[in-house]
Amino acid sequence: MYATTLAKTAYSNPSQPMRTPRGLEFELFARITRRLKQVSSQDAPFAALAEAIFENRRLWTALAADVADPENGLPQDLRARIFFLHEFTHAHSRLVLSQDRSVDALIDVNTAIMRGLRQDGAKQ
């Protein structure tokens, strides 16, 4: 009986809520957007800004690779818009790192995506 109990609980943690892929995406966007907000002040060290930009770029690169996959189930129009946002975030990130633009547009894009993830999740 002890082995059966261990087997039932080995791969589950009842104190952890079940997370959906959409919920995980939301959490990742929230964490990265929070970091971008933290470094958006003028007195933030450049290294912290660069690290936050790098994390955001990595997120958007993963999203672009995902929507470029022919097996992706999202509608083609939505996939194209996500890929465009990937290109925008990369181009704008270069401007932020060269100190020609603020990080605010990147925060706005991520926040809009988070709103969409939350709204779509509420519909399900």
PDB file of N, CA and C in Angstrom:
ATOM      1  N   MET A   1       0.813  -1.197   0.000  1.00  0.00           N
ATOM      2  CA  MET A   1       0.000   0.000   0.000  1.00  0.00           C
ATOM      3  C   MET A   1       0.855   1.258   0.000  1.00  0.00           C
ATOM      4  N   TYR A   2       1.971   1.240   0.670  1.00  0.00           N
ATOM      5  CA  TYR A   2       2.853   2.391   0.717  1.00  0.00           C
ATOM      6  C   TYR A   2       3.351   2.742  -0.681  1.00  0.00           C
ATOM      7  N   ALA A   3       3.723   1.754  -1.477  1.00  0.00           N
ATOM      8  CA  ALA A   3       4.204   1.998  -2.839  1.00  0.00           C
ATOM      9  C   ALA A   3       3.109   2.620  -3.702  1.00  0.00           C
ATOM     10  N   THR A   4       1.878   2.173  -3.515  1.00  0.00           N
ATOM     11  CA  THR A   4       0.754   2.731  -4.273  1.00  0.00           C
ATOM     12  C   THR A   4       0.538   4.197  -3.925  1.00  0.00           C
ATOM     13  N   THR A   5       0.620   4.518  -2.656  1.00  0.00           N
ATOM     14  CA  THR A   5       0.466   5.908  -2.220  1.00  0.00           C
ATOM     15  C   THR A   5       1.564   6.776  -2.806  1.00  0.00           C
ATOM     16  N   LEU A   6       2.782   6.285  -2.771  1.00  0.00           N
ATOM     17  CA  LEU A   6       3.894   7.030  -3.358  1.00  0.00           C
ATOM     18  C   LEU A   6       3.695   7.237  -4.857  1.00  0.00           C
ATOM     19  N   ALA A   7       3.239   6.200  -5.523  1.00  0.00           N
ATOM     20  CA  ALA A   7       3.024   6.304  -6.964  1.00  0.00           C
ATOM     21  C   ALA A   7       1.967   7.350  -7.297  1.00  0.00           C
ATOM     22  N   LYS A   8       0.917   7.428  -6.502  1.00  0.00           N
ATOM     23  CA  LYS A   8      -0.156   8.386  -6.758  1.00  0.00           C
ATOM     24  C   LYS A   8       0.290   9.822  -6.522  1.00  0.00           C
ATOM     25  N   THR A   9       1.192  10.025  -5.582  1.00  0.00           N
ATOM     26  CA  THR A   9       1.596  11.382  -5.232  1.00  0.00           C
ATOM     27  C   THR A   9       2.949  11.789  -5.788  1.00  0.00           C
ATOM     28  N   ALA A  10       3.637  10.891  -6.425  1.00  0.00           N
ATOM     29  CA  ALA A  10       5.000  11.184  -6.878  1.00  0.00           C
ATOM     30  C   ALA A  10       5.062  12.325  -7.881  1.00  0.00           C
ATOM     31  N   TYR A  11       4.097  12.398  -8.766  1.00  0.00           N
ATOM     32  CA  TYR A  11       4.154  13.396  -9.829  1.00  0.00           C
ATOM     33  C   TYR A  11       3.122  14.500  -9.680  1.00  0.00           C
ATOM     34  N   SER A  12       2.520  14.603  -8.533  1.00  0.00           N
ATOM     35  CA  SER A  12       1.561  15.683  -8.334  1.00  0.00           C
ATOM     36  C   SER A  12       1.864  16.402  -7.040  1.00  0.00           C
ATOM     37  N   ASN A  13       1.573  17.666  -7.046  1.00  0.00           N
ATOM     38  CA  ASN A  13       1.733  18.480  -5.858  1.00  0.00           C
ATOM     39  C   ASN A  13       0.381  19.143  -5.607  1.00  0.00           C
ATOM     40  N   PRO A  14      -0.397  18.633  -4.676  1.00  0.00           N
ATOM     41  CA  PRO A  14      -1.746  19.154  -4.478  1.00  0.00           C
ATOM     42  C   PRO A  14      -1.789  20.615  -4.057  1.00  0.00           C
ATOM     43  N   SER A  15      -0.701  21.148  -3.537  1.00  0.00           N
ATOM     44  CA  SER A  15      -0.702  22.554  -3.146  1.00  0.00           C
ATOM     45  C   SER A  15      -0.471  23.464  -4.349  1.00  0.00           C
ATOM     46  N   GLN A  16      -0.007  22.911  -5.457  1.00  0.00           N
ATOM     47  CA  GLN A  16       0.215  23.684  -6.677  1.00  0.00           C
ATOM     48  C   GLN A  16      -1.057  23.657  -7.529  1.00  0.00           C
ATOM     49  N   PRO A  17      -1.544  24.816  -7.952  1.00  0.00           N
ATOM     50  CA  PRO A  17      -2.720  24.806  -8.820  1.00  0.00           C
ATOM     51  C   PRO A  17      -2.357  24.272 -10.205  1.00  0.00           C
ATOM     52  N   MET A  18      -3.351  23.707 -10.886  1.00  0.00           N
ATOM     53  CA  MET A  18      -3.140  23.238 -12.253  1.00  0.00           C
ATOM     54  C   MET A  18      -2.921  24.452 -13.149  1.00  0.00           C
ATOM     55  N   ARG A  19      -1.931  24.386 -14.001  1.00  0.00           N
ATOM     56  CA  ARG A  19      -1.627  25.504 -14.881  1.00  0.00           C
ATOM     57  C   ARG A  19      -1.873  25.093 -16.322  1.00  0.00           C
ATOM     58  N   THR A  20      -2.546  25.946 -17.027  1.00  0.00           N
ATOM     59  CA  THR A  20      -2.794  25.707 -18.441  1.00  0.00           C
ATOM     60  C   THR A  20      -1.654  26.329 -19.236  1.00  0.00           C
ATOM     61  N   PRO A  21      -1.472  25.918 -20.489  1.00  0.00           N
ATOM     62  CA  PRO A  21      -0.451  26.571 -21.310  1.00  0.00           C
ATOM     63  C   PRO A  21      -0.684  28.085 -21.410  1.00  0.00           C
ATOM     64  N   ARG A  22      -1.943  28.491 -21.535  1.00  0.00           N
ATOM     65  CA  ARG A  22      -2.264  29.918 -21.606  1.00  0.00           C
ATOM     66  C   ARG A  22      -1.867  30.620 -20.297  1.00  0.00           C
ATOM     67  N   GLY A  23      -2.122  29.971 -19.176  1.00  0.00           N
ATOM     68  CA  GLY A  23      -1.752  30.540 -17.892  1.00  0.00           C
ATOM     69  C   GLY A  23      -0.243  30.668 -17.738  1.00  0.00           C
ATOM     70  N   LEU A  24       0.477  29.676 -18.224  1.00  0.00           N
ATOM     71  CA  LEU A  24       1.943  29.741 -18.177  1.00  0.00           C
ATOM     72  C   LEU A  24       2.467  30.858 -19.060  1.00  0.00           C
ATOM     73  N   GLU A  25       1.872  31.032 -20.251  1.00  0.00           N
ATOM     74  CA  GLU A  25       2.275  32.135 -21.131  1.00  0.00           C
ATOM     75  C   GLU A  25       2.033  33.469 -20.432  1.00  0.00           C
ATOM     76  N   PHE A  26       0.869  33.600 -19.807  1.00  0.00           N
ATOM     77  CA  PHE A  26       0.545  34.834 -19.095  1.00  0.00           C
ATOM     78  C   PHE A  26       1.577  35.109 -18.010  1.00  0.00           C
ATOM     79  N   GLU A  27       1.898  34.095 -17.215  1.00  0.00           N
ATOM     80  CA  GLU A  27       2.870  34.265 -16.131  1.00  0.00           C
ATOM     81  C   GLU A  27       4.240  34.679 -16.660  1.00  0.00           C
ATOM     82  N   LEU A  28       4.644  34.085 -17.779  1.00  0.00           N
ATOM     83  CA  LEU A  28       5.937  34.440 -18.367  1.00  0.00           C
ATOM     84  C   LEU A  28       5.935  35.885 -18.855  1.00  0.00           C
ATOM     85  N   PHE A  29       4.879  36.282 -19.556  1.00  0.00           N
ATOM     86  CA  PHE A  29       4.772  37.679 -19.990  1.00  0.00           C
ATOM     87  C   PHE A  29       4.758  38.616 -18.791  1.00  0.00           C
ATOM     88  N   ALA A  30       4.028  38.249 -17.741  1.00  0.00           N
ATOM     89  CA  ALA A  30       3.942  39.104 -16.556  1.00  0.00           C
ATOM     90  C   ALA A  30       5.310  39.276 -15.906  1.00  0.00           C
ATOM     91  N   ARG A  31       6.042  38.193 -15.776  1.00  0.00           N
ATOM     92  CA  ARG A  31       7.380  38.262 -15.141  1.00  0.00           C
ATOM     93  C   ARG A  31       8.322  39.147 -15.949  1.00  0.00           C
ATOM     94  N   ILE A  32       8.342  38.954 -17.255  1.00  0.00           N
ATOM     95  CA  ILE A  32       9.256  39.725 -18.106  1.00  0.00           C
ATOM     96  C   ILE A  32       8.823  41.185 -18.169  1.00  0.00           C
ATOM     97  N   THR A  33       7.521  41.427 -18.257  1.00  0.00           N
ATOM     98  CA  THR A  33       7.028  42.802 -18.311  1.00  0.00           C
ATOM     99  C   THR A  33       7.327  43.524 -17.000  1.00  0.00           C
ATOM    100  N   ARG A  34       7.202  42.836 -15.896  1.00  0.00           N
ATOM    101  CA  ARG A  34       7.543  43.421 -14.594  1.00  0.00           C
ATOM    102  C   ARG A  34       9.022  43.841 -14.578  1.00  0.00           C
ATOM    103  N   ARG A  35       9.888  43.000 -15.132  1.00  0.00           N
ATOM    104  CA  ARG A  35      11.325  43.353 -15.183  1.00  0.00           C
ATOM    105  C   ARG A  35      11.556  44.572 -16.065  1.00  0.00           C
ATOM    106  N   LEU A  36      10.850  44.625 -17.204  1.00  0.00           N
ATOM    107  CA  LEU A  36      10.984  45.787 -18.084  1.00  0.00           C
ATOM    108  C   LEU A  36      10.553  47.062 -17.366  1.00  0.00           C
ATOM    109  N   LYS A  37       9.483  46.976 -16.606  1.00  0.00           N
ATOM    110  CA  LYS A  37       9.004  48.146 -15.852  1.00  0.00           C
ATOM    111  C   LYS A  37      10.031  48.567 -14.806  1.00  0.00           C
ATOM    112  N   GLN A  38      10.640  47.592 -14.155  1.00  0.00           N
ATOM    113  CA  GLN A  38      11.629  47.905 -13.123  1.00  0.00           C
ATOM    114  C   GLN A  38      12.827  48.649 -13.693  1.00  0.00           C
ATOM    115  N   VAL A  39      13.218  48.308 -14.903  1.00  0.00           N
ATOM    116  CA  VAL A  39      14.419  48.929 -15.480  1.00  0.00           C
ATOM    117  C   VAL A  39      14.090  50.136 -16.343  1.00  0.00           C
ATOM    118  N   SER A  40      12.819  50.504 -16.418  1.00  0.00           N
ATOM    119  CA  SER A  40      12.446  51.618 -17.289  1.00  0.00           C
ATOM    120  C   SER A  40      12.821  52.980 -16.711  1.00  0.00           C
ATOM    121  N   SER A  41      13.169  53.025 -15.435  1.00  0.00           N
ATOM    122  CA  SER A  41      13.557  54.295 -14.842  1.00  0.00           C
ATOM    123  C   SER A  41      14.940  54.704 -15.333  1.00  0.00           C
ATOM    124  N   GLN A  42      15.190  55.968 -15.319  1.00  0.00           N
ATOM    125  CA  GLN A  42      16.454  56.513 -15.823  1.00  0.00           C
ATOM    126  C   GLN A  42      17.661  56.075 -14.992  1.00  0.00           C
ATOM    127  N   ASP A  43      17.444  55.777 -13.722  1.00  0.00           N
ATOM    128  CA  ASP A  43      18.578  55.441 -12.866  1.00  0.00           C
ATOM    129  C   ASP A  43      18.880  53.941 -12.807  1.00  0.00           C
ATOM    130  N   ALA A  44      18.189  53.139 -13.612  1.00  0.00           N
ATOM    131  CA  ALA A  44      18.466  51.698 -13.643  1.00  0.00           C
ATOM    132  C   ALA A  44      19.801  51.460 -14.343  1.00  0.00           C
ATOM    133  N   PRO A  45      20.597  50.539 -13.839  1.00  0.00           N
ATOM    134  CA  PRO A  45      21.878  50.234 -14.504  1.00  0.00           C
ATOM    135  C   PRO A  45      21.638  49.687 -15.917  1.00  0.00           C
ATOM    136  N   PHE A  46      22.518  50.061 -16.834  1.00  0.00           N
ATOM    137  CA  PHE A  46      22.369  49.621 -18.217  1.00  0.00           C
ATOM    138  C   PHE A  46      22.401  48.099 -18.318  1.00  0.00           C
ATOM    139  N   ALA A  47      23.197  47.440 -17.499  1.00  0.00           N
ATOM    140  CA  ALA A  47      23.271  45.972 -17.537  1.00  0.00           C
ATOM    141  C   ALA A  47      21.926  45.343 -17.202  1.00  0.00           C
ATOM    142  N   ALA A  48      21.197  45.924 -16.260  1.00  0.00           N
ATOM    143  CA  ALA A  48      19.872  45.406 -15.905  1.00  0.00           C
ATOM    144  C   ALA A  48      18.898  45.617 -17.063  1.00  0.00           C
ATOM    145  N   LEU A  49      18.989  46.759 -17.718  1.00  0.00           N
ATOM    146  CA  LEU A  49      18.156  47.029 -18.886  1.00  0.00           C
ATOM    147  C   LEU A  49      18.456  46.024 -19.993  1.00  0.00           C
ATOM    148  N   ALA A  50      19.725  45.814 -20.271  1.00  0.00           N
ATOM    149  CA  ALA A  50      20.118  44.878 -21.326  1.00  0.00           C
ATOM    150  C   ALA A  50      19.636  43.461 -21.027  1.00  0.00           C
ATOM    151  N   GLU A  51      19.708  43.059 -19.773  1.00  0.00           N
ATOM    152  CA  GLU A  51      19.253  41.717 -19.400  1.00  0.00           C
ATOM    153  C   GLU A  51      17.736  41.578 -19.575  1.00  0.00           C
ATOM    154  N   ALA A  52      16.988  42.596 -19.175  1.00  0.00           N
ATOM    155  CA  ALA A  52      15.530  42.563 -19.332  1.00  0.00           C
ATOM    156  C   ALA A  52      15.152  42.548 -20.818  1.00  0.00           C
ATOM    157  N   ILE A  53      15.849  43.321 -21.626  1.00  0.00           N
ATOM    158  CA  ILE A  53      15.604  43.345 -23.072  1.00  0.00           C
ATOM    159  C   ILE A  53      15.929  41.977 -23.669  1.00  0.00           C
ATOM    160  N   PHE A  54      17.023  41.384 -23.236  1.00  0.00           N
ATOM    161  CA  PHE A  54      17.407  40.057 -23.727  1.00  0.00           C
ATOM    162  C   PHE A  54      16.323  39.026 -23.417  1.00  0.00           C
ATOM    163  N   GLU A  55      15.807  39.036 -22.188  1.00  0.00           N
ATOM    164  CA  GLU A  55      14.743  38.094 -21.815  1.00  0.00           C
ATOM    165  C   GLU A  55      13.502  38.301 -22.677  1.00  0.00           C
ATOM    166  N   ASN A  56      13.143  39.558 -22.907  1.00  0.00           N
ATOM    167  CA  ASN A  56      11.975  39.854 -23.720  1.00  0.00           C
ATOM    168  C   ASN A  56      12.188  39.382 -25.163  1.00  0.00           C
ATOM    169  N   ARG A  57      13.372  39.629 -25.690  1.00  0.00           N
ATOM    170  CA  ARG A  57      13.683  39.166 -27.049  1.00  0.00           C
ATOM    171  C   ARG A  57      13.623  37.651 -27.142  1.00  0.00           C
ATOM    172  N   ARG A  58      14.114  36.980 -26.131  1.00  0.00           N
ATOM    173  CA  ARG A  58      14.100  35.518 -26.120  1.00  0.00           C
ATOM    174  C   ARG A  58      12.665  34.990 -26.127  1.00  0.00           C
ATOM    175  N   LEU A  59      11.802  35.630 -25.355  1.00  0.00           N
ATOM    176  CA  LEU A  59      10.387  35.258 -25.337  1.00  0.00           C
ATOM    177  C   LEU A  59       9.773  35.431 -26.722  1.00  0.00           C
ATOM    178  N   TRP A  60      10.002  36.584 -27.330  1.00  0.00           N
ATOM    179  CA  TRP A  60       9.411  36.859 -28.640  1.00  0.00           C
ATOM    180  C   TRP A  60      10.008  35.970 -29.728  1.00  0.00           C
ATOM    181  N   THR A  61      11.260  35.596 -29.610  1.00  0.00           N
ATOM    182  CA  THR A  61      11.865  34.671 -30.574  1.00  0.00           C
ATOM    183  C   THR A  61      11.215  33.300 -30.470  1.00  0.00           C
ATOM    184  N   ALA A  62      10.957  32.852 -29.254  1.00  0.00           N
ATOM    185  CA  ALA A  62      10.281  31.562 -29.065  1.00  0.00           C
ATOM    186  C   ALA A  62       8.869  31.607 -29.642  1.00  0.00           C
ATOM    187  N   LEU A  63       8.167  32.718 -29.427  1.00  0.00           N
ATOM    188  CA  LEU A  63       6.826  32.857 -29.988  1.00  0.00           C
ATOM    189  C   LEU A  63       6.866  32.852 -31.515  1.00  0.00           C
ATOM    190  N   ALA A  64       7.840  33.561 -32.092  1.00  0.00           N
ATOM    191  CA  ALA A  64       7.962  33.612 -33.551  1.00  0.00           C
ATOM    192  C   ALA A  64       8.243  32.233 -34.122  1.00  0.00           C
ATOM    193  N   ALA A  65       9.104  31.485 -33.475  1.00  0.00           N
ATOM    194  CA  ALA A  65       9.398  30.125 -33.941  1.00  0.00           C
ATOM    195  C   ALA A  65       8.157  29.252 -33.852  1.00  0.00           C
ATOM    196  N   ASP A  66       7.386  29.440 -32.794  1.00  0.00           N
ATOM    197  CA  ASP A  66       6.173  28.652 -32.612  1.00  0.00           C
ATOM    198  C   ASP A  66       5.137  28.957 -33.692  1.00  0.00           C
ATOM    199  N   VAL A  67       4.912  30.238 -33.986  1.00  0.00           N
ATOM    200  CA  VAL A  67       3.895  30.575 -34.984  1.00  0.00           C
ATOM    201  C   VAL A  67       4.383  30.319 -36.408  1.00  0.00           C
ATOM    202  N   ALA A  68       5.684  30.193 -36.604  1.00  0.00           N
ATOM    203  CA  ALA A  68       6.214  29.877 -37.933  1.00  0.00           C
ATOM    204  C   ALA A  68       6.083  28.392 -38.260  1.00  0.00           C
ATOM    205  N   ASP A  69       5.848  27.584 -37.241  1.00  0.00           N
ATOM    206  CA  ASP A  69       5.690  26.147 -37.436  1.00  0.00           C
ATOM    207  C   ASP A  69       4.383  25.857 -38.181  1.00  0.00           C
ATOM    208  N   PRO A  70       4.440  25.144 -39.312  1.00  0.00           N
ATOM    209  CA  PRO A  70       3.213  24.845 -40.060  1.00  0.00           C
ATOM    210  C   PRO A  70       2.186  24.062 -39.253  1.00  0.00           C
ATOM    211  N   GLU A  71       2.614  23.367 -38.215  1.00  0.00           N
ATOM    212  CA  GLU A  71       1.706  22.583 -37.378  1.00  0.00           C
ATOM    213  C   GLU A  71       0.993  23.429 -36.316  1.00  0.00           C
ATOM    214  N   ASN A  72       1.348  24.714 -36.203  1.00  0.00           N
ATOM    215  CA  ASN A  72       0.723  25.576 -35.216  1.00  0.00           C
ATOM    216  C   ASN A  72      -0.764  25.702 -35.526  1.00  0.00           C
ATOM    217  N   GLY A  73      -1.606  25.550 -34.499  1.00  0.00           N
ATOM    218  CA  GLY A  73      -3.051  25.529 -34.688  1.00  0.00           C
ATOM    219  C   GLY A  73      -3.729  26.883 -34.686  1.00  0.00           C
ATOM    220  N   LEU A  74      -2.987  27.959 -34.452  1.00  0.00           N
ATOM    221  CA  LEU A  74      -3.604  29.285 -34.453  1.00  0.00           C
ATOM    222  C   LEU A  74      -4.007  29.687 -35.866  1.00  0.00           C
ATOM    223  N   PRO A  75      -5.009  30.556 -35.990  1.00  0.00           N
ATOM    224  CA  PRO A  75      -5.372  31.049 -37.325  1.00  0.00           C
ATOM    225  C   PRO A  75      -4.194  31.781 -37.981  1.00  0.00           C
ATOM    226  N   GLN A  76      -4.096  31.666 -39.287  1.00  0.00           N
ATOM    227  CA  GLN A  76      -2.971  32.249 -40.033  1.00  0.00           C
ATOM    228  C   GLN A  76      -2.822  33.747 -39.768  1.00  0.00           C
ATOM    229  N   ASP A  77      -3.941  34.470 -39.717  1.00  0.00           N
ATOM    230  CA  ASP A  77      -3.887  35.912 -39.486  1.00  0.00           C
ATOM    231  C   ASP A  77      -3.264  36.235 -38.132  1.00  0.00           C
ATOM    232  N   LEU A  78      -3.661  35.511 -37.112  1.00  0.00           N
ATOM    233  CA  LEU A  78      -3.111  35.727 -35.775  1.00  0.00           C
ATOM    234  C   LEU A  78      -1.632  35.367 -35.742  1.00  0.00           C
ATOM    235  N   ARG A  79      -1.272  34.297 -36.391  1.00  0.00           N
ATOM    236  CA  ARG A  79       0.147  33.904 -36.458  1.00  0.00           C
ATOM    237  C   ARG A  79       0.971  34.997 -37.115  1.00  0.00           C
ATOM    238  N   ALA A  80       0.452  35.590 -38.188  1.00  0.00           N
ATOM    239  CA  ALA A  80       1.170  36.662 -38.890  1.00  0.00           C
ATOM    240  C   ALA A  80       1.317  37.888 -37.995  1.00  0.00           C
ATOM    241  N   ARG A  81       0.272  38.223 -37.250  1.00  0.00           N
ATOM    242  CA  ARG A  81       0.346  39.390 -36.365  1.00  0.00           C
ATOM    243  C   ARG A  81       1.343  39.167 -35.240  1.00  0.00           C
ATOM    244  N   ILE A  82       1.380  37.953 -34.689  1.00  0.00           N
ATOM    245  CA  ILE A  82       2.362  37.651 -33.638  1.00  0.00           C
ATOM    246  C   ILE A  82       3.776  37.737 -34.197  1.00  0.00           C
ATOM    247  N   PHE A  83       3.973  37.231 -35.409  1.00  0.00           N
ATOM    248  CA  PHE A  83       5.309  37.309 -36.014  1.00  0.00           C
ATOM    249  C   PHE A  83       5.708  38.764 -36.256  1.00  0.00           C
ATOM    250  N   PHE A  84       4.760  39.590 -36.705  1.00  0.00           N
ATOM    251  CA  PHE A  84       5.050  41.012 -36.890  1.00  0.00           C
ATOM    252  C   PHE A  84       5.455  41.655 -35.563  1.00  0.00           C
ATOM    253  N   LEU A  85       4.748  41.316 -34.475  1.00  0.00           N
ATOM    254  CA  LEU A  85       5.108  41.872 -33.170  1.00  0.00           C
ATOM    255  C   LEU A  85       6.508  41.437 -32.753  1.00  0.00           C
ATOM    256  N   HIS A  86       6.886  40.214 -33.108  1.00  0.00           N
ATOM    257  CA  HIS A  86       8.258  39.753 -32.850  1.00  0.00           C
ATOM    258  C   HIS A  86       9.259  40.667 -33.559  1.00  0.00           C
ATOM    259  N   GLU A  87       8.996  40.955 -34.828  1.00  0.00           N
ATOM    260  CA  GLU A  87       9.906  41.831 -35.578  1.00  0.00           C
ATOM    261  C   GLU A  87       9.950  43.230 -34.977  1.00  0.00           C
ATOM    262  N   PHE A  88       8.776  43.742 -34.594  1.00  0.00           N
ATOM    263  CA  PHE A  88       8.735  45.065 -33.980  1.00  0.00           C
ATOM    264  C   PHE A  88       9.529  45.095 -32.675  1.00  0.00           C
ATOM    265  N   THR A  89       9.313  44.104 -31.815  1.00  0.00           N
ATOM    266  CA  THR A  89      10.000  44.110 -30.525  1.00  0.00           C
ATOM    267  C   THR A  89      11.514  44.017 -30.693  1.00  0.00           C
ATOM    268  N   HIS A  90      11.961  43.257 -31.678  1.00  0.00           N
ATOM    269  CA  HIS A  90      13.407  43.175 -31.913  1.00  0.00           C
ATOM    270  C   HIS A  90      13.960  44.499 -32.415  1.00  0.00           C
ATOM    271  N   ALA A  91      13.268  45.121 -33.350  1.00  0.00           N
ATOM    272  CA  ALA A  91      13.742  46.412 -33.879  1.00  0.00           C
ATOM    273  C   ALA A  91      13.702  47.489 -32.791  1.00  0.00           C
ATOM    274  N   HIS A  92      12.637  47.524 -32.029  1.00  0.00           N
ATOM    275  CA  HIS A  92      12.517  48.540 -30.985  1.00  0.00           C
ATOM    276  C   HIS A  92      13.534  48.285 -29.865  1.00  0.00           C
ATOM    277  N   SER A  93      13.807  47.033 -29.589  1.00  0.00           N
ATOM    278  CA  SER A  93      14.806  46.703 -28.566  1.00  0.00           C
ATOM    279  C   SER A  93      16.172  47.271 -28.929  1.00  0.00           C
ATOM    280  N   ARG A  94      16.531  47.190 -30.214  1.00  0.00           N
ATOM    281  CA  ARG A  94      17.811  47.782 -30.645  1.00  0.00           C
ATOM    282  C   ARG A  94      17.836  49.277 -30.353  1.00  0.00           C
ATOM    283  N   LEU A  95      16.717  49.950 -30.604  1.00  0.00           N
ATOM    284  CA  LEU A  95      16.651  51.393 -30.344  1.00  0.00           C
ATOM    285  C   LEU A  95      16.730  51.692 -28.853  1.00  0.00           C
ATOM    286  N   VAL A  96      16.112  50.858 -28.038  1.00  0.00           N
ATOM    287  CA  VAL A  96      16.178  51.048 -26.586  1.00  0.00           C
ATOM    288  C   VAL A  96      17.620  50.881 -26.110  1.00  0.00           C
ATOM    289  N   LEU A  97      18.278  49.853 -26.610  1.00  0.00           N
ATOM    290  CA  LEU A  97      19.658  49.600 -26.180  1.00  0.00           C
ATOM    291  C   LEU A  97      20.620  50.681 -26.664  1.00  0.00           C
ATOM    292  N   SER A  98      20.304  51.320 -27.784  1.00  0.00           N
ATOM    293  CA  SER A  98      21.142  52.429 -28.246  1.00  0.00           C
ATOM    294  C   SER A  98      20.700  53.746 -27.624  1.00  0.00           C
ATOM    295  N   GLN A  99      19.750  53.671 -26.730  1.00  0.00           N
ATOM    296  CA  GLN A  99      19.227  54.801 -25.959  1.00  0.00           C
ATOM    297  C   GLN A  99      18.549  55.850 -26.838  1.00  0.00           C
ATOM    298  N   ASP A 100      17.980  55.392 -27.966  1.00  0.00           N
ATOM    299  CA  ASP A 100      17.215  56.268 -28.841  1.00  0.00           C
ATOM    300  C   ASP A 100      15.722  56.238 -28.535  1.00  0.00           C
ATOM    301  N   ARG A 101      15.255  55.233 -27.804  1.00  0.00           N
ATOM    302  CA  ARG A 101      13.838  55.083 -27.471  1.00  0.00           C
ATOM    303  C   ARG A 101      13.705  54.569 -26.042  1.00  0.00           C
ATOM    304  N   SER A 102      12.499  54.705 -25.512  1.00  0.00           N
ATOM    305  CA  SER A 102      12.240  54.178 -24.171  1.00  0.00           C
ATOM    306  C   SER A 102      11.693  52.761 -24.292  1.00  0.00           C
ATOM    307  N   VAL A 103      11.651  52.087 -23.185  1.00  0.00           N
ATOM    308  CA  VAL A 103      11.172  50.713 -23.116  1.00  0.00           C
ATOM    309  C   VAL A 103       9.638  50.655 -23.088  1.00  0.00           C
ATOM    310  N   ASP A 104       8.988  51.801 -23.017  1.00  0.00           N
ATOM    311  CA  ASP A 104       7.530  51.859 -22.846  1.00  0.00           C
ATOM    312  C   ASP A 104       6.761  51.106 -23.925  1.00  0.00           C
ATOM    313  N   ALA A 105       7.164  51.181 -25.178  1.00  0.00           N
ATOM    314  CA  ALA A 105       6.437  50.486 -26.252  1.00  0.00           C
ATOM    315  C   ALA A 105       6.499  48.971 -26.057  1.00  0.00           C
ATOM    316  N   LEU A 106       7.629  48.462 -25.581  1.00  0.00           N
ATOM    317  CA  LEU A 106       7.750  47.022 -25.323  1.00  0.00           C
ATOM    318  C   LEU A 106       6.826  46.604 -24.184  1.00  0.00           C
ATOM    319  N   ILE A 107       6.732  47.438 -23.169  1.00  0.00           N
ATOM    320  CA  ILE A 107       5.827  47.173 -22.050  1.00  0.00           C
ATOM    321  C   ILE A 107       4.382  47.180 -22.546  1.00  0.00           C
ATOM    322  N   ASP A 108       4.052  48.141 -23.404  1.00  0.00           N
ATOM    323  CA  ASP A 108       2.689  48.240 -23.937  1.00  0.00           C
ATOM    324  C   ASP A 108       2.312  47.007 -24.758  1.00  0.00           C
ATOM    325  N   VAL A 109       3.222  46.538 -25.601  1.00  0.00           N
ATOM    326  CA  VAL A 109       2.953  45.357 -26.419  1.00  0.00           C
ATOM    327  C   VAL A 109       2.724  44.141 -25.527  1.00  0.00           C
ATOM    328  N   ASN A 110       3.610  43.936 -24.564  1.00  0.00           N
ATOM    329  CA  ASN A 110       3.469  42.787 -23.668  1.00  0.00           C
ATOM    330  C   ASN A 110       2.174  42.861 -22.858  1.00  0.00           C
ATOM    331  N   THR A 111       1.835  44.060 -22.407  1.00  0.00           N
ATOM    332  CA  THR A 111       0.610  44.229 -21.629  1.00  0.00           C
ATOM    333  C   THR A 111      -0.618  43.913 -22.475  1.00  0.00           C
ATOM    334  N   ALA A 112      -0.605  44.317 -23.728  1.00  0.00           N
ATOM    335  CA  ALA A 112      -1.726  44.013 -24.629  1.00  0.00           C
ATOM    336  C   ALA A 112      -1.851  42.502 -24.832  1.00  0.00           C
ATOM    337  N   ILE A 113      -0.730  41.825 -24.982  1.00  0.00           N
ATOM    338  CA  ILE A 113      -0.758  40.366 -25.133  1.00  0.00           C
ATOM    339  C   ILE A 113      -1.314  39.722 -23.865  1.00  0.00           C
ATOM    340  N   MET A 114      -0.903  40.216 -22.703  1.00  0.00           N
ATOM    341  CA  MET A 114      -1.400  39.671 -21.443  1.00  0.00           C
ATOM    342  C   MET A 114      -2.911  39.861 -21.331  1.00  0.00           C
ATOM    343  N   ARG A 115      -3.413  41.029 -21.753  1.00  0.00           N
ATOM    344  CA  ARG A 115      -4.866  41.245 -21.735  1.00  0.00           C
ATOM    345  C   ARG A 115      -5.560  40.229 -22.634  1.00  0.00           C
ATOM    346  N   GLY A 116      -5.000  39.985 -23.812  1.00  0.00           N
ATOM    347  CA  GLY A 116      -5.581  39.001 -24.718  1.00  0.00           C
ATOM    348  C   GLY A 116      -5.553  37.595 -24.150  1.00  0.00           C
ATOM    349  N   LEU A 117      -4.472  37.231 -23.510  1.00  0.00           N
ATOM    350  CA  LEU A 117      -4.386  35.909 -22.896  1.00  0.00           C
ATOM    351  C   LEU A 117      -5.410  35.759 -21.778  1.00  0.00           C
ATOM    352  N   ARG A 118      -5.584  36.788 -21.012  1.00  0.00           N
ATOM    353  CA  ARG A 118      -6.539  36.737 -19.896  1.00  0.00           C
ATOM    354  C   ARG A 118      -7.977  36.688 -20.427  1.00  0.00           C
ATOM    355  N   GLN A 119      -8.291  37.496 -21.449  1.00  0.00           N
ATOM    356  CA  GLN A 119      -9.653  37.521 -22.002  1.00  0.00           C
ATOM    357  C   GLN A 119     -10.004  36.194 -22.655  1.00  0.00           C
ATOM    358  N   ASP A 120      -9.101  35.680 -23.472  1.00  0.00           N
ATOM    359  CA  ASP A 120      -9.365  34.403 -24.140  1.00  0.00           C
ATOM    360  C   ASP A 120      -9.496  33.278 -23.133  1.00  0.00           C
ATOM    361  N   GLY A 121      -8.721  33.345 -22.078  1.00  0.00           N
ATOM    362  CA  GLY A 121      -8.798  32.318 -21.051  1.00  0.00           C
ATOM    363  C   GLY A 121     -10.129  32.363 -20.317  1.00  0.00           C
ATOM    364  N   ALA A 122     -10.690  33.556 -20.169  1.00  0.00           N
ATOM    365  CA  ALA A 122     -11.980  33.688 -19.488  1.00  0.00           C
ATOM    366  C   ALA A 122     -13.110  33.140 -20.336  1.00  0.00           C
ATOM    367  N   LYS A 123     -12.947  33.129 -21.667  1.00  0.00           N
ATOM    368  CA  LYS A 123     -13.974  32.639 -22.576  1.00  0.00           C
ATOM    369  C   LYS A 123     -14.053  31.123 -22.569  1.00  0.00           C
ATOM    370  N   GLN A 124     -12.977  30.465 -22.197  1.00  0.00           N
ATOM    371  CA  GLN A 124     -12.933  29.009 -22.273  1.00  0.00           C
ATOM    372  C   GLN A 124     -13.639  28.355 -21.114  1.00  0.00           C
TER     373      GLN A 124
END
